[in-house]
Amino acid sequence: MELKRSGLGGAFILLLVLSGCGGRKEHSDLLTLLGADPTVVHSLDQDVEHTYDALTLLSWAEAAYVSEDWVAAVVDYRRFLTLHPQHRMAAFAQYRLASSLDRQVSTPDRDPGAMQEALAAYETILSDFPQSLYADAARNRVAALTQKKAEHQSQVALFYYKRAAYPAAIARFKAVLALTDHEPLAPKALYYLSHAHHRLGHDNEAQEAMARLVEQYPHSDYAVKRVGRLPSP
């Protein structure tokens, strides 16, 4: 089933832009304009791989989004963007795609695959649609997800450290520092990075990490306790 093409005026585009950034319960002004029930649209047989019409694909994606079927929404928005990258609704679709991926991100201790995909989708908005009204929202989500990614790396690093897998722990703590300089993750990473190097006999690297901790985060709990005994693996 393909929906008839409809001219999307500037006022309607602005309405979608503004509603796309809203925090209220998900809805679709596009489906409202078409007089379509998202539940009905979402239940239709959809041959996505053989559908090319922009409005049809976007309507299917919107129906999946409103129904909180994030997996289907990702498929439909990606299909729309692949076939219609220059469409006037491309920025909107990219933001919805990123949001659909973002909704699949769980706690930092889970598989970070969805988190990385969401990050990449938001970063595409900043690179391809930097002047769009979605740029600020995308930038905020990039910052939040980057912090969450750093939390995941920190958990994995500590897992390795406690099992005396120091080379692996060192790599992960360095990854944390590449992602964030915020407390408490950054000073924690420097603290354990220093001790991991020490346990491997890397005295210079251990001293460098500890000196950086004291210089950059002198009032952190990890800087205060640096003089104490080495943390047990």
C-alpha atoms as a PDB file:
ATOM      1  CA  MET A   1       0.000   0.000   0.000  1.00  0.00           C
ATOM      2  CA  GLU A   2       1.318   3.430  -0.934  1.00  0.00           C
ATOM      3  CA  LEU A   3      -0.121   6.679   0.301  1.00  0.00           C
ATOM      4  CA  LYS A   4      -0.914   9.397  -2.196  1.00  0.00           C
ATOM      5  CA  ARG A   5       1.666  12.120  -2.497  1.00  0.00           C
ATOM      6  CA  SER A   6       0.877  15.336  -0.727  1.00  0.00           C
ATOM      7  CA  GLY A   7       2.501  18.748  -0.879  1.00  0.00           C
ATOM      8  CA  LEU A   8       4.204  19.460   2.415  1.00  0.00           C
ATOM      9  CA  GLY A   9       4.085  23.196   2.970  1.00  0.00           C
ATOM     10  CA  GLY A  10       6.587  25.233   4.931  1.00  0.00           C
ATOM     11  CA  ALA A  11       4.209  25.733   7.857  1.00  0.00           C
ATOM     12  CA  PHE A  12       3.700  21.991   8.166  1.00  0.00           C
ATOM     13  CA  ILE A  13       7.449  21.364   7.983  1.00  0.00           C
ATOM     14  CA  LEU A  14       7.931  23.807  10.858  1.00  0.00           C
ATOM     15  CA  LEU A  15       5.187  22.047  12.829  1.00  0.00           C
ATOM     16  CA  LEU A  16       6.986  18.719  12.414  1.00  0.00           C
ATOM     17  CA  VAL A  17      10.288  20.309  13.384  1.00  0.00           C
ATOM     18  CA  LEU A  18       8.876  21.745  16.573  1.00  0.00           C
ATOM     19  CA  SER A  19       6.929  18.626  17.532  1.00  0.00           C
ATOM     20  CA  GLY A  20       9.929  16.425  16.785  1.00  0.00           C
ATOM     21  CA  CYS A  21      11.864  18.070  19.603  1.00  0.00           C
ATOM     22  CA  GLY A  22       9.033  17.943  22.104  1.00  0.00           C
ATOM     23  CA  GLY A  23       9.148  15.942  25.300  1.00  0.00           C
ATOM     24  CA  ARG A  24       5.470  14.969  25.417  1.00  0.00           C
ATOM     25  CA  LYS A  25       4.012  11.603  24.439  1.00  0.00           C
ATOM     26  CA  GLU A  26       5.064  10.648  20.927  1.00  0.00           C
ATOM     27  CA  HIS A  27       2.719  11.563  18.139  1.00  0.00           C
ATOM     28  CA  SER A  28       2.952  12.331  14.423  1.00  0.00           C
ATOM     29  CA  ASP A  29       1.619  15.477  12.825  1.00  0.00           C
ATOM     30  CA  LEU A  30       2.257  13.860   9.447  1.00  0.00           C
ATOM     31  CA  LEU A  31      -0.170  11.040  10.185  1.00  0.00           C
ATOM     32  CA  THR A  32      -2.630  13.531  11.637  1.00  0.00           C
ATOM     33  CA  LEU A  33      -2.487  15.576   8.427  1.00  0.00           C
ATOM     34  CA  LEU A  34      -3.162  12.438   6.390  1.00  0.00           C
ATOM     35  CA  GLY A  35      -6.001  11.445   8.708  1.00  0.00           C
ATOM     36  CA  ALA A  36      -4.239   8.137   9.327  1.00  0.00           C
ATOM     37  CA  ASP A  37      -4.456   6.097  12.512  1.00  0.00           C
ATOM     38  CA  PRO A  38      -0.855   5.125  13.421  1.00  0.00           C
ATOM     39  CA  THR A  39      -2.025   1.809  14.848  1.00  0.00           C
ATOM     40  CA  VAL A  40      -3.707   0.919  11.554  1.00  0.00           C
ATOM     41  CA  VAL A  41      -0.787   2.117   9.423  1.00  0.00           C
ATOM     42  CA  HIS A  42       1.661   0.184  11.577  1.00  0.00           C
ATOM     43  CA  SER A  43      -0.373  -3.008  11.201  1.00  0.00           C
ATOM     44  CA  LEU A  44      -0.391  -2.899   7.374  1.00  0.00           C
ATOM     45  CA  ASP A  45       1.695  -5.314   5.334  1.00  0.00           C
ATOM     46  CA  GLN A  46       4.770  -3.279   4.506  1.00  0.00           C
ATOM     47  CA  ASP A  47       7.118  -4.348   1.748  1.00  0.00           C
ATOM     48  CA  VAL A  48       9.784  -1.858   2.760  1.00  0.00           C
ATOM     49  CA  GLU A  49      12.498  -3.196   0.454  1.00  0.00           C
ATOM     50  CA  HIS A  50      10.306  -2.662  -2.624  1.00  0.00           C
ATOM     51  CA  THR A  51       8.747   0.639  -1.617  1.00  0.00           C
ATOM     52  CA  TYR A  52      10.248   3.875  -2.943  1.00  0.00           C
ATOM     53  CA  ASP A  53       7.634   6.556  -2.347  1.00  0.00           C
ATOM     54  CA  ALA A  54       8.968   9.098   0.165  1.00  0.00           C
ATOM     55  CA  LEU A  55       5.664   9.887   1.842  1.00  0.00           C
ATOM     56  CA  THR A  56       4.747   6.223   2.214  1.00  0.00           C
ATOM     57  CA  LEU A  57       8.079   5.338   3.793  1.00  0.00           C
ATOM     58  CA  LEU A  58       7.965   8.310   6.127  1.00  0.00           C
ATOM     59  CA  SER A  59       4.392   7.500   7.133  1.00  0.00           C
ATOM     60  CA  TRP A  60       5.348   3.922   7.948  1.00  0.00           C
ATOM     61  CA  ALA A  61       8.319   5.156   9.957  1.00  0.00           C
ATOM     62  CA  GLU A  62       6.137   7.614  11.853  1.00  0.00           C
ATOM     63  CA  ALA A  63       3.553   4.938  12.623  1.00  0.00           C
ATOM     64  CA  ALA A  64       6.264   2.672  14.012  1.00  0.00           C
ATOM     65  CA  TYR A  65       7.714   5.553  16.031  1.00  0.00           C
ATOM     66  CA  VAL A  66       4.372   6.523  17.563  1.00  0.00           C
ATOM     67  CA  SER A  67       3.749   2.839  18.330  1.00  0.00           C
ATOM     68  CA  GLU A  68       7.177   2.718  20.029  1.00  0.00           C
ATOM     69  CA  ASP A  69       8.309  -0.071  17.714  1.00  0.00           C
ATOM     70  CA  TRP A  70      11.831   1.313  17.624  1.00  0.00           C
ATOM     71  CA  VAL A  71      13.315  -1.506  15.546  1.00  0.00           C
ATOM     72  CA  ALA A  72      10.767  -1.064  12.752  1.00  0.00           C
ATOM     73  CA  ALA A  73      11.115   2.718  12.937  1.00  0.00           C
ATOM     74  CA  VAL A  74      14.879   2.437  12.420  1.00  0.00           C
ATOM     75  CA  VAL A  75      14.387   0.261   9.336  1.00  0.00           C
ATOM     76  CA  ASP A  76      11.827   2.636   7.818  1.00  0.00           C
ATOM     77  CA  TYR A  77      13.678   5.876   8.536  1.00  0.00           C
ATOM     78  CA  ARG A  78      16.893   4.401   7.142  1.00  0.00           C
ATOM     79  CA  ARG A  79      15.105   3.293   3.989  1.00  0.00           C
ATOM     80  CA  PHE A  80      13.653   6.786   3.580  1.00  0.00           C
ATOM     81  CA  LEU A  81      17.042   8.456   4.075  1.00  0.00           C
ATOM     82  CA  THR A  82      18.831   6.045   1.735  1.00  0.00           C
ATOM     83  CA  LEU A  83      16.390   6.740  -1.096  1.00  0.00           C
ATOM     84  CA  HIS A  84      15.717  10.413  -0.374  1.00  0.00           C
ATOM     85  CA  PRO A  85      18.825  11.941   1.245  1.00  0.00           C
ATOM     86  CA  GLN A  86      18.051  15.400  -0.155  1.00  0.00           C
ATOM     87  CA  HIS A  87      14.374  15.380   0.743  1.00  0.00           C
ATOM     88  CA  ARG A  88      13.133  18.422   2.649  1.00  0.00           C
ATOM     89  CA  MET A  89      12.169  16.065   5.486  1.00  0.00           C
ATOM     90  CA  ALA A  90      15.607  14.428   5.655  1.00  0.00           C
ATOM     91  CA  ALA A  91      16.741  16.307   8.772  1.00  0.00           C
ATOM     92  CA  PHE A  92      13.491  15.393  10.528  1.00  0.00           C
ATOM     93  CA  ALA A  93      13.880  11.724   9.526  1.00  0.00           C
ATOM     94  CA  GLN A  94      17.507  11.682  10.693  1.00  0.00           C
ATOM     95  CA  TYR A  95      16.493  13.044  14.074  1.00  0.00           C
ATOM     96  CA  ARG A  96      13.707  10.478  14.402  1.00  0.00           C
ATOM     97  CA  LEU A  97      16.165   7.748  13.397  1.00  0.00           C
ATOM     98  CA  ALA A  98      18.616   8.881  16.063  1.00  0.00           C
ATOM     99  CA  SER A  99      15.831   9.073  18.644  1.00  0.00           C
ATOM    100  CA  SER A 100      14.610   5.567  17.733  1.00  0.00           C
ATOM    101  CA  LEU A 101      18.122   4.205  18.253  1.00  0.00           C
ATOM    102  CA  ASP A 102      18.485   6.217  21.450  1.00  0.00           C
ATOM    103  CA  ARG A 103      15.320   4.618  22.869  1.00  0.00           C
ATOM    104  CA  GLN A 104      17.039   1.237  22.564  1.00  0.00           C
ATOM    105  CA  VAL A 105      19.979   2.278  24.712  1.00  0.00           C
ATOM    106  CA  SER A 106      19.719   0.698  28.147  1.00  0.00           C
ATOM    107  CA  THR A 107      22.014   0.890  31.161  1.00  0.00           C
ATOM    108  CA  PRO A 108      25.787   1.370  30.742  1.00  0.00           C
ATOM    109  CA  ASP A 109      26.531  -2.226  31.723  1.00  0.00           C
ATOM    110  CA  ARG A 110      24.763  -3.625  28.656  1.00  0.00           C
ATOM    111  CA  ASP A 111      26.006  -4.124  25.095  1.00  0.00           C
ATOM    112  CA  PRO A 112      27.037  -0.638  23.887  1.00  0.00           C
ATOM    113  CA  GLY A 113      26.158  -1.347  20.238  1.00  0.00           C
ATOM    114  CA  ALA A 114      22.883   0.593  20.296  1.00  0.00           C
ATOM    115  CA  MET A 115      24.587   3.437  22.122  1.00  0.00           C
ATOM    116  CA  GLN A 116      27.241   3.720  19.425  1.00  0.00           C
ATOM    117  CA  GLU A 117      24.628   3.645  16.677  1.00  0.00           C
ATOM    118  CA  ALA A 118      22.610   6.376  18.370  1.00  0.00           C
ATOM    119  CA  LEU A 119      25.727   8.489  18.803  1.00  0.00           C
ATOM    120  CA  ALA A 120      26.588   8.118  15.124  1.00  0.00           C
ATOM    121  CA  ALA A 121      23.054   9.057  14.094  1.00  0.00           C
ATOM    122  CA  TYR A 122      23.061  12.212  16.214  1.00  0.00           C
ATOM    123  CA  GLU A 123      26.522  13.127  14.929  1.00  0.00           C
ATOM    124  CA  THR A 124      25.187  12.830  11.376  1.00  0.00           C
ATOM    125  CA  ILE A 125      22.698  15.580  12.212  1.00  0.00           C
ATOM    126  CA  LEU A 126      25.564  17.819  13.328  1.00  0.00           C
ATOM    127  CA  SER A 127      27.632  17.085  10.223  1.00  0.00           C
ATOM    128  CA  ASP A 128      24.932  16.933   7.536  1.00  0.00           C
ATOM    129  CA  PHE A 129      22.261  19.230   8.979  1.00  0.00           C
ATOM    130  CA  PRO A 130      24.172  21.669  11.211  1.00  0.00           C
ATOM    131  CA  GLN A 131      21.715  24.510  10.614  1.00  0.00           C
ATOM    132  CA  SER A 132      18.601  22.455  11.301  1.00  0.00           C
ATOM    133  CA  LEU A 133      16.434  23.036  14.348  1.00  0.00           C
ATOM    134  CA  TYR A 134      17.483  19.579  15.559  1.00  0.00           C
ATOM    135  CA  ALA A 135      21.171  20.484  15.952  1.00  0.00           C
ATOM    136  CA  ASP A 136      20.993  21.664  19.575  1.00  0.00           C
ATOM    137  CA  ALA A 137      18.972  18.656  20.703  1.00  0.00           C
ATOM    138  CA  ALA A 138      21.372  16.346  18.856  1.00  0.00           C
ATOM    139  CA  ARG A 139      24.367  18.044  20.453  1.00  0.00           C
ATOM    140  CA  ASN A 140      22.894  17.535  23.921  1.00  0.00           C
ATOM    141  CA  ARG A 141      22.260  13.858  23.248  1.00  0.00           C
ATOM    142  CA  VAL A 142      25.797  13.383  21.900  1.00  0.00           C
ATOM    143  CA  ALA A 143      27.159  14.770  25.173  1.00  0.00           C
ATOM    144  CA  ALA A 144      24.861  12.581  27.284  1.00  0.00           C
ATOM    145  CA  LEU A 145      25.571   9.413  25.321  1.00  0.00           C
ATOM    146  CA  THR A 146      29.315  10.072  25.286  1.00  0.00           C
ATOM    147  CA  GLN A 147      29.196  10.262  29.071  1.00  0.00           C
ATOM    148  CA  LYS A 148      27.212   7.032  29.198  1.00  0.00           C
ATOM    149  CA  LYS A 149      29.763   5.404  26.883  1.00  0.00           C
ATOM    150  CA  ALA A 150      32.512   6.530  29.255  1.00  0.00           C
ATOM    151  CA  GLU A 151      30.607   4.930  32.144  1.00  0.00           C
ATOM    152  CA  HIS A 152      30.488   1.657  30.212  1.00  0.00           C
ATOM    153  CA  GLN A 153      34.217   1.781  29.512  1.00  0.00           C
ATOM    154  CA  SER A 154      34.884   2.513  33.190  1.00  0.00           C
ATOM    155  CA  GLN A 155      32.872  -0.515  34.299  1.00  0.00           C
ATOM    156  CA  VAL A 156      34.694  -2.785  31.868  1.00  0.00           C
ATOM    157  CA  ALA A 157      38.070  -1.342  32.899  1.00  0.00           C
ATOM    158  CA  LEU A 158      37.373  -1.973  36.583  1.00  0.00           C
ATOM    159  CA  PHE A 159      36.218  -5.507  35.733  1.00  0.00           C
ATOM    160  CA  TYR A 160      39.599  -6.189  34.111  1.00  0.00           C
ATOM    161  CA  TYR A 161      41.513  -4.481  36.900  1.00  0.00           C
ATOM    162  CA  LYS A 162      39.882  -6.572  39.627  1.00  0.00           C
ATOM    163  CA  ARG A 163      40.860  -9.698  37.714  1.00  0.00           C
ATOM    164  CA  ALA A 164      44.480  -8.550  37.394  1.00  0.00           C
ATOM    165  CA  ALA A 165      44.131  -8.210  33.605  1.00  0.00           C
ATOM    166  CA  TYR A 166      46.126  -5.007  33.768  1.00  0.00           C
ATOM    167  CA  PRO A 167      46.964  -4.441  30.071  1.00  0.00           C
ATOM    168  CA  ALA A 168      43.266  -4.685  29.184  1.00  0.00           C
ATOM    169  CA  ALA A 169      42.363  -2.435  32.118  1.00  0.00           C
ATOM    170  CA  ILE A 170      44.904   0.161  31.023  1.00  0.00           C
ATOM    171  CA  ALA A 171      43.448   0.261  27.506  1.00  0.00           C
ATOM    172  CA  ARG A 172      39.938   0.760  28.863  1.00  0.00           C
ATOM    173  CA  PHE A 173      40.905   3.431  31.400  1.00  0.00           C
ATOM    174  CA  LYS A 174      42.635   5.326  28.599  1.00  0.00           C
ATOM    175  CA  ALA A 175      39.417   5.025  26.583  1.00  0.00           C
ATOM    176  CA  VAL A 176      37.520   6.612  29.480  1.00  0.00           C
ATOM    177  CA  LEU A 177      39.938   9.545  29.520  1.00  0.00           C
ATOM    178  CA  ALA A 178      39.556   9.984  25.772  1.00  0.00           C
ATOM    179  CA  LEU A 179      35.791  10.304  26.225  1.00  0.00           C
ATOM    180  CA  THR A 180      35.453  12.527  29.279  1.00  0.00           C
ATOM    181  CA  ASP A 181      37.333  14.817  31.627  1.00  0.00           C
ATOM    182  CA  HIS A 182      34.446  15.056  34.093  1.00  0.00           C
ATOM    183  CA  GLU A 183      34.355  13.841  37.679  1.00  0.00           C
ATOM    184  CA  PRO A 184      34.090  11.250  39.011  1.00  0.00           C
ATOM    185  CA  LEU A 185      34.976   9.133  35.957  1.00  0.00           C
ATOM    186  CA  ALA A 186      38.161  10.926  34.916  1.00  0.00           C
ATOM    187  CA  PRO A 187      39.939  10.987  38.305  1.00  0.00           C
ATOM    188  CA  LYS A 188      38.828   7.413  38.953  1.00  0.00           C
ATOM    189  CA  ALA A 189      40.330   6.352  35.629  1.00  0.00           C
ATOM    190  CA  LEU A 190      43.616   8.121  36.377  1.00  0.00           C
ATOM    191  CA  TYR A 191      43.795   6.571  39.846  1.00  0.00           C
ATOM    192  CA  TYR A 192      43.356   3.013  38.635  1.00  0.00           C
ATOM    193  CA  LEU A 193      45.429   3.640  35.514  1.00  0.00           C
ATOM    194  CA  SER A 194      48.328   4.631  37.748  1.00  0.00           C
ATOM    195  CA  HIS A 195      47.985   1.519  39.906  1.00  0.00           C
ATOM    196  CA  ALA A 196      47.577  -0.771  36.901  1.00  0.00           C
ATOM    197  CA  HIS A 197      50.831   0.560  35.453  1.00  0.00           C
ATOM    198  CA  HIS A 198      52.492   0.178  38.859  1.00  0.00           C
ATOM    199  CA  ARG A 199      51.500  -3.473  39.079  1.00  0.00           C
ATOM    200  CA  LEU A 200      53.072  -4.083  35.685  1.00  0.00           C
ATOM    201  CA  GLY A 201      56.285  -2.326  36.727  1.00  0.00           C
ATOM    202  CA  HIS A 202      55.626   0.701  34.510  1.00  0.00           C
ATOM    203  CA  ASP A 203      56.811   3.181  37.119  1.00  0.00           C
ATOM    204  CA  ASN A 204      57.144   6.196  34.803  1.00  0.00           C
ATOM    205  CA  GLU A 205      53.630   5.747  33.408  1.00  0.00           C
ATOM    206  CA  ALA A 206      52.274   5.195  36.913  1.00  0.00           C
ATOM    207  CA  GLN A 207      53.847   8.422  38.163  1.00  0.00           C
ATOM    208  CA  GLU A 208      52.608  10.364  35.136  1.00  0.00           C
ATOM    209  CA  ALA A 209      49.022   9.241  35.679  1.00  0.00           C
ATOM    210  CA  MET A 210      49.163  10.029  39.389  1.00  0.00           C
ATOM    211  CA  ALA A 211      50.706  13.434  38.764  1.00  0.00           C
ATOM    212  CA  ARG A 212      47.956  14.224  36.278  1.00  0.00           C
ATOM    213  CA  LEU A 213      45.359  13.164  38.852  1.00  0.00           C
ATOM    214  CA  VAL A 214      46.787  15.443  41.533  1.00  0.00           C
ATOM    215  CA  GLU A 215      47.209  18.375  39.159  1.00  0.00           C
ATOM    216  CA  GLN A 216      43.840  18.239  37.407  1.00  0.00           C
ATOM    217  CA  TYR A 217      41.612  16.883  40.201  1.00  0.00           C
ATOM    218  CA  PRO A 218      43.331  17.860  43.471  1.00  0.00           C
ATOM    219  CA  HIS A 219      40.109  17.786  45.506  1.00  0.00           C
ATOM    220  CA  SER A 220      38.704  14.530  44.186  1.00  0.00           C
ATOM    221  CA  ASP A 221      38.356  11.547  46.488  1.00  0.00           C
ATOM    222  CA  TYR A 222      40.857   9.641  44.351  1.00  0.00           C
ATOM    223  CA  ALA A 223      43.506  12.339  44.693  1.00  0.00           C
ATOM    224  CA  VAL A 224      42.999  12.461  48.461  1.00  0.00           C
ATOM    225  CA  LYS A 225      43.447   8.704  48.936  1.00  0.00           C
ATOM    226  CA  ARG A 226      46.390   8.345  46.533  1.00  0.00           C
ATOM    227  CA  VAL A 227      48.837   8.132  49.429  1.00  0.00           C
ATOM    228  CA  GLY A 228      47.057   5.123  50.893  1.00  0.00           C
ATOM    229  CA  ARG A 229      47.670   1.494  50.160  1.00  0.00           C
ATOM    230  CA  LEU A 230      47.319   0.167  46.642  1.00  0.00           C
ATOM    231  CA  PRO A 231      43.785  -0.935  45.793  1.00  0.00           C
ATOM    232  CA  SER A 232      43.491  -4.696  45.868  1.00  0.00           C
ATOM    233  CA  PRO A 233      42.879  -6.467  42.524  1.00  0.00           C
END
